[in-house]
Structures are given as C-alpha cells and as structure tokens.
Amino acid sequence: MKYKIISIFVFFLIINFNLFSQGVWNIKYIAIDSLSETSINKEIRIDFKSSNTDILMYKMIKPYIEPYIVRDLLSKNDKVELTVDSQQLVFIENWLIFDDHGVFGDQTLVSINEFNDEKLIIKEMFLESIDNLSLTLSVTINLTSDFEKNIHSKKGVRIIINKSQIKGILLKFKD
C-alpha cells in the first residue's frame, strides 16, 4: 500500500511537472561603459536614459546585472528621439518584464508618431560599430499591423545613437 501511494504521487509529479516550472529569463544587462567590441554583430536592445541625470546606480560586481535588478532598471518606459531615414521620430521603450519571465525577443521600441494610423516597431537591433561617442545599429522596422506576420518589414535601416542617451545594453544569454 505504501509503495502504491508513493508511485501515484511520483506519477502525479511527473505528469504535472510543467505546473511547477518557472518562467524564462534570457536577458543580460550591461552598463554602456562596459560594452566592448565583442558585442559587434550581436543582437541587442538599448535601455535609454530618462534624462541627462539618469545613471546606473548599481555597482557592477559581475560583468552583468542580476535579473531582479534588471526588472527594477526596466520598470520605466523611457522616450527617445531617433533619426530614421532622415526623419526625427519619437519612440518609447516597450519592456515586457514580469516577476519570473523576461524574454529578450519580447523587448521592443514603439513609435509615438503614427503613419496611416499605425505605429512603427523596432524589434531587431544589431550592433554594427562602437566608437567613443556613439553606437551604429542595423535595425528592422515593422508596422504594428504587420508585426506578428513579419511582412512589410524594412531591414538593415542604419541608426546612429549617441552614447550619452544610453544607460545600458541588453544582450541575450547564450542559448
């Protein structure tokens, strides 16, 4: 009888294992001052400063910041003005960070400006180059209606961002 109860309990745990699993976290946060050329050609996301006085207050003991601190850092959706195809556009950070879930691919920039009643979404950002003052990115831009379908996207749009606008960089943990 004892073995039967234990067997049923173990069977129940195996069948319902996904009920006890935790969320996904594959985001690594690096302060802008710690960004190196090893990140060139990698996909990144940018955490912009909310103001000129917005600085990273956490002491960097490790080469990256722990997930519970990243949630705090990304609690505000900052606005940034970027030049895209010779047009000045305002974007807002769209962070989808939860208590036990933070997926790199879910983090986007969404335009405040509308085009034909639609907003622009920047999801893919690849770091092309770094210098003392700026980062050069190659980004993919979608319209909101085409975002999930990934059609009508404009790939390879170059954007140059001044480092003084950036607080930190998000990288994807290795798969």
Protein backbone atom coordinates (compact mmCIF):
# COMPACT_ATOMS: atom_id res chain seq x y z
CA MET A 1 0.00 0.00 0.00
CA LYS A 2 2.83 2.37 0.90
CA TYR A 3 4.56 1.79 -2.45
CA LYS A 4 1.32 2.31 -4.31
CA ILE A 5 0.80 5.74 -2.70
CA ILE A 6 4.40 6.74 -3.41
CA SER A 7 4.08 5.52 -7.01
CA ILE A 8 0.88 7.52 -7.52
CA PHE A 9 2.48 10.61 -6.00
CA VAL A 10 5.59 10.32 -8.23
CA PHE A 11 3.40 9.69 -11.29
CA PHE A 12 1.34 12.80 -10.43
CA LEU A 13 4.52 14.89 -10.14
CA ILE A 14 5.86 13.66 -13.48
CA ILE A 15 2.58 14.31 -15.30
CA ASN A 16 2.21 17.81 -13.82
CA PHE A 17 5.87 18.82 -13.91
CA ASN A 18 5.15 21.90 -16.03
CA LEU A 19 2.93 23.25 -13.24
CA PHE A 20 5.99 23.54 -11.04
CA SER A 21 8.34 25.01 -13.62
CA GLN A 22 9.45 28.61 -13.55
CA GLY A 23 9.42 31.27 -16.23
CA VAL A 24 12.10 32.09 -18.75
CA TRP A 25 14.88 34.64 -18.26
CA ASN A 26 17.42 35.12 -21.06
CA ILE A 27 18.34 38.79 -20.68
CA LYS A 28 21.80 40.03 -19.74
CA TYR A 29 22.12 43.75 -18.84
CA ILE A 30 25.44 45.54 -19.38
CA ALA A 31 26.22 49.14 -18.46
CA ILE A 32 27.05 51.25 -21.52
CA ASP A 33 30.57 51.84 -20.17
CA SER A 34 31.15 48.06 -20.09
CA LEU A 35 30.12 47.49 -23.72
CA SER A 36 33.03 46.15 -25.76
CA GLU A 37 33.73 45.27 -29.37
CA THR A 38 32.93 41.62 -28.61
CA SER A 39 29.26 42.65 -28.91
CA ILE A 40 29.61 43.83 -32.52
CA ASN A 41 27.27 41.93 -34.88
CA LYS A 42 25.21 40.70 -31.92
CA GLU A 43 21.54 41.43 -31.44
CA ILE A 44 20.98 43.97 -28.66
CA ARG A 45 18.32 46.12 -27.04
CA ILE A 46 19.01 49.56 -25.62
CA ASP A 47 17.92 50.96 -22.27
CA PHE A 48 17.77 54.70 -22.83
CA LYS A 49 18.22 57.33 -20.15
CA SER A 50 15.07 59.11 -18.99
CA SER A 51 17.11 62.31 -18.51
CA ASN A 52 20.72 63.50 -18.55
CA THR A 53 20.98 62.74 -14.83
CA ASP A 54 19.67 59.17 -15.21
CA ILE A 55 22.67 56.99 -14.38
CA LEU A 56 23.20 53.37 -13.49
CA MET A 57 23.18 53.30 -9.69
CA TYR A 58 24.08 49.64 -9.26
CA LYS A 59 27.71 48.75 -8.66
CA MET A 60 28.96 46.34 -11.29
CA ILE A 61 30.46 43.46 -9.32
CA LYS A 62 29.80 40.92 -12.08
CA PRO A 63 30.06 41.52 -15.82
CA TYR A 64 26.26 41.70 -15.90
CA ILE A 65 23.44 42.75 -13.58
CA GLU A 66 21.26 40.19 -11.78
CA PRO A 67 17.70 39.64 -13.14
CA TYR A 68 15.93 41.06 -10.07
CA ILE A 69 17.82 44.33 -10.56
CA VAL A 70 17.15 44.34 -14.33
CA ARG A 71 13.40 44.30 -13.56
CA ASP A 72 13.91 47.44 -11.48
CA LEU A 73 16.04 49.13 -14.16
CA LEU A 74 13.45 48.44 -16.85
CA SER A 75 10.46 49.50 -14.75
CA LYS A 76 10.17 52.81 -16.66
CA ASN A 77 9.45 53.11 -20.36
CA ASP A 78 11.73 55.94 -21.46
CA LYS A 79 11.17 58.04 -24.58
CA VAL A 80 13.90 58.70 -27.12
CA GLU A 81 14.13 60.69 -30.33
CA LEU A 82 15.85 58.81 -33.15
CA THR A 83 16.64 59.71 -36.74
CA VAL A 84 15.23 57.03 -39.04
CA ASP A 85 15.61 57.51 -42.80
CA SER A 86 16.27 61.24 -42.28
CA GLN A 87 13.13 61.67 -40.15
CA GLN A 88 13.11 62.56 -36.45
CA LEU A 89 10.80 60.08 -34.70
CA VAL A 90 9.98 59.60 -31.04
CA PHE A 91 10.00 56.03 -29.70
CA ILE A 92 9.09 54.62 -26.32
CA GLU A 93 10.64 51.54 -24.75
CA ASN A 94 8.21 48.64 -24.55
CA TRP A 95 9.56 46.34 -21.84
CA LEU A 96 7.71 43.07 -21.22
CA ILE A 97 9.32 42.05 -17.95
CA PHE A 98 7.45 40.01 -15.35
CA ASP A 99 8.32 38.55 -11.93
CA ASP A 100 9.61 35.28 -13.35
CA HIS A 101 9.67 35.98 -17.07
CA GLY A 102 11.88 38.19 -19.22
CA VAL A 103 12.47 37.14 -22.81
CA PHE A 104 14.98 39.09 -24.88
CA GLY A 105 12.92 38.83 -28.07
CA ASP A 106 9.86 40.46 -26.45
CA GLN A 107 11.60 43.81 -25.85
CA THR A 108 10.84 46.49 -28.46
CA LEU A 109 10.74 50.20 -29.27
CA VAL A 110 7.36 51.55 -30.41
CA SER A 111 6.94 54.87 -32.19
CA ILE A 112 4.72 57.54 -30.73
CA ASN A 113 4.28 59.02 -34.21
CA GLU A 114 1.71 57.29 -36.41
CA PHE A 115 1.82 56.58 -40.14
CA ASN A 116 -1.55 55.84 -41.74
CA ASP A 117 -2.97 55.15 -38.25
CA GLU A 118 -0.18 52.69 -37.47
CA LYS A 119 2.91 52.86 -35.32
CA LEU A 120 6.38 51.61 -36.10
CA ILE A 121 8.00 48.84 -34.07
CA ILE A 122 11.74 48.23 -33.83
CA LYS A 123 12.38 44.73 -32.58
CA GLU A 124 15.63 43.57 -34.13
CA MET A 125 18.72 45.68 -33.44
CA PHE A 126 22.20 44.54 -34.39
CA LEU A 127 25.27 46.41 -33.22
CA GLU A 128 27.39 47.36 -36.24
CA SER A 129 30.05 49.52 -34.64
CA ILE A 130 31.11 51.34 -31.48
CA ASP A 131 33.19 54.47 -31.09
CA ASN A 132 33.85 56.84 -28.20
CA LEU A 133 30.66 58.84 -28.76
CA SER A 134 28.11 56.61 -30.48
CA LEU A 135 26.76 53.22 -31.48
CA THR A 136 25.74 52.33 -35.03
CA LEU A 137 22.87 49.86 -35.30
CA SER A 138 21.22 47.97 -38.12
CA VAL A 139 17.53 47.64 -37.25
CA THR A 140 14.38 46.06 -38.65
CA ILE A 141 11.27 48.23 -38.64
CA ASN A 142 7.70 46.88 -38.85
CA LEU A 143 4.26 48.46 -38.87
CA THR A 144 2.11 47.41 -35.91
CA SER A 145 -0.40 45.52 -38.11
CA ASP A 146 2.39 43.52 -39.74
CA PHE A 147 4.47 42.91 -36.63
CA GLU A 148 3.33 39.36 -35.86
CA LYS A 149 3.29 38.37 -39.54
CA ASN A 150 6.74 39.93 -40.08
CA ILE A 151 5.70 41.23 -43.50
CA HIS A 152 6.41 44.67 -44.90
CA SER A 153 9.42 44.94 -42.65
CA LYS A 154 12.27 47.20 -43.58
CA LYS A 155 15.55 45.51 -42.69
CA GLY A 156 19.00 46.99 -42.45
CA VAL A 157 17.98 50.53 -41.51
CA ARG A 158 21.05 52.22 -40.03
CA ILE A 159 20.61 54.27 -36.89
CA ILE A 160 23.36 56.12 -35.04
CA ILE A 161 22.74 56.69 -31.34
CA ASN A 162 24.78 58.95 -29.09
CA LYS A 163 26.14 57.07 -26.06
CA SER A 164 25.07 59.94 -23.81
CA GLN A 165 21.43 58.84 -24.42
CA ILE A 166 22.10 55.25 -23.29
CA LYS A 167 22.10 53.83 -19.77
CA GLY A 168 22.65 50.17 -20.62
CA ILE A 169 22.53 47.41 -23.19
CA LEU A 170 20.52 44.20 -23.12
CA LEU A 171 22.08 41.10 -24.65
CA LYS A 172 20.66 37.63 -25.00
CA PHE A 173 22.20 34.95 -22.82
CA LYS A 174 23.78 32.24 -24.95
CA ASP A 175 21.35 29.51 -25.97
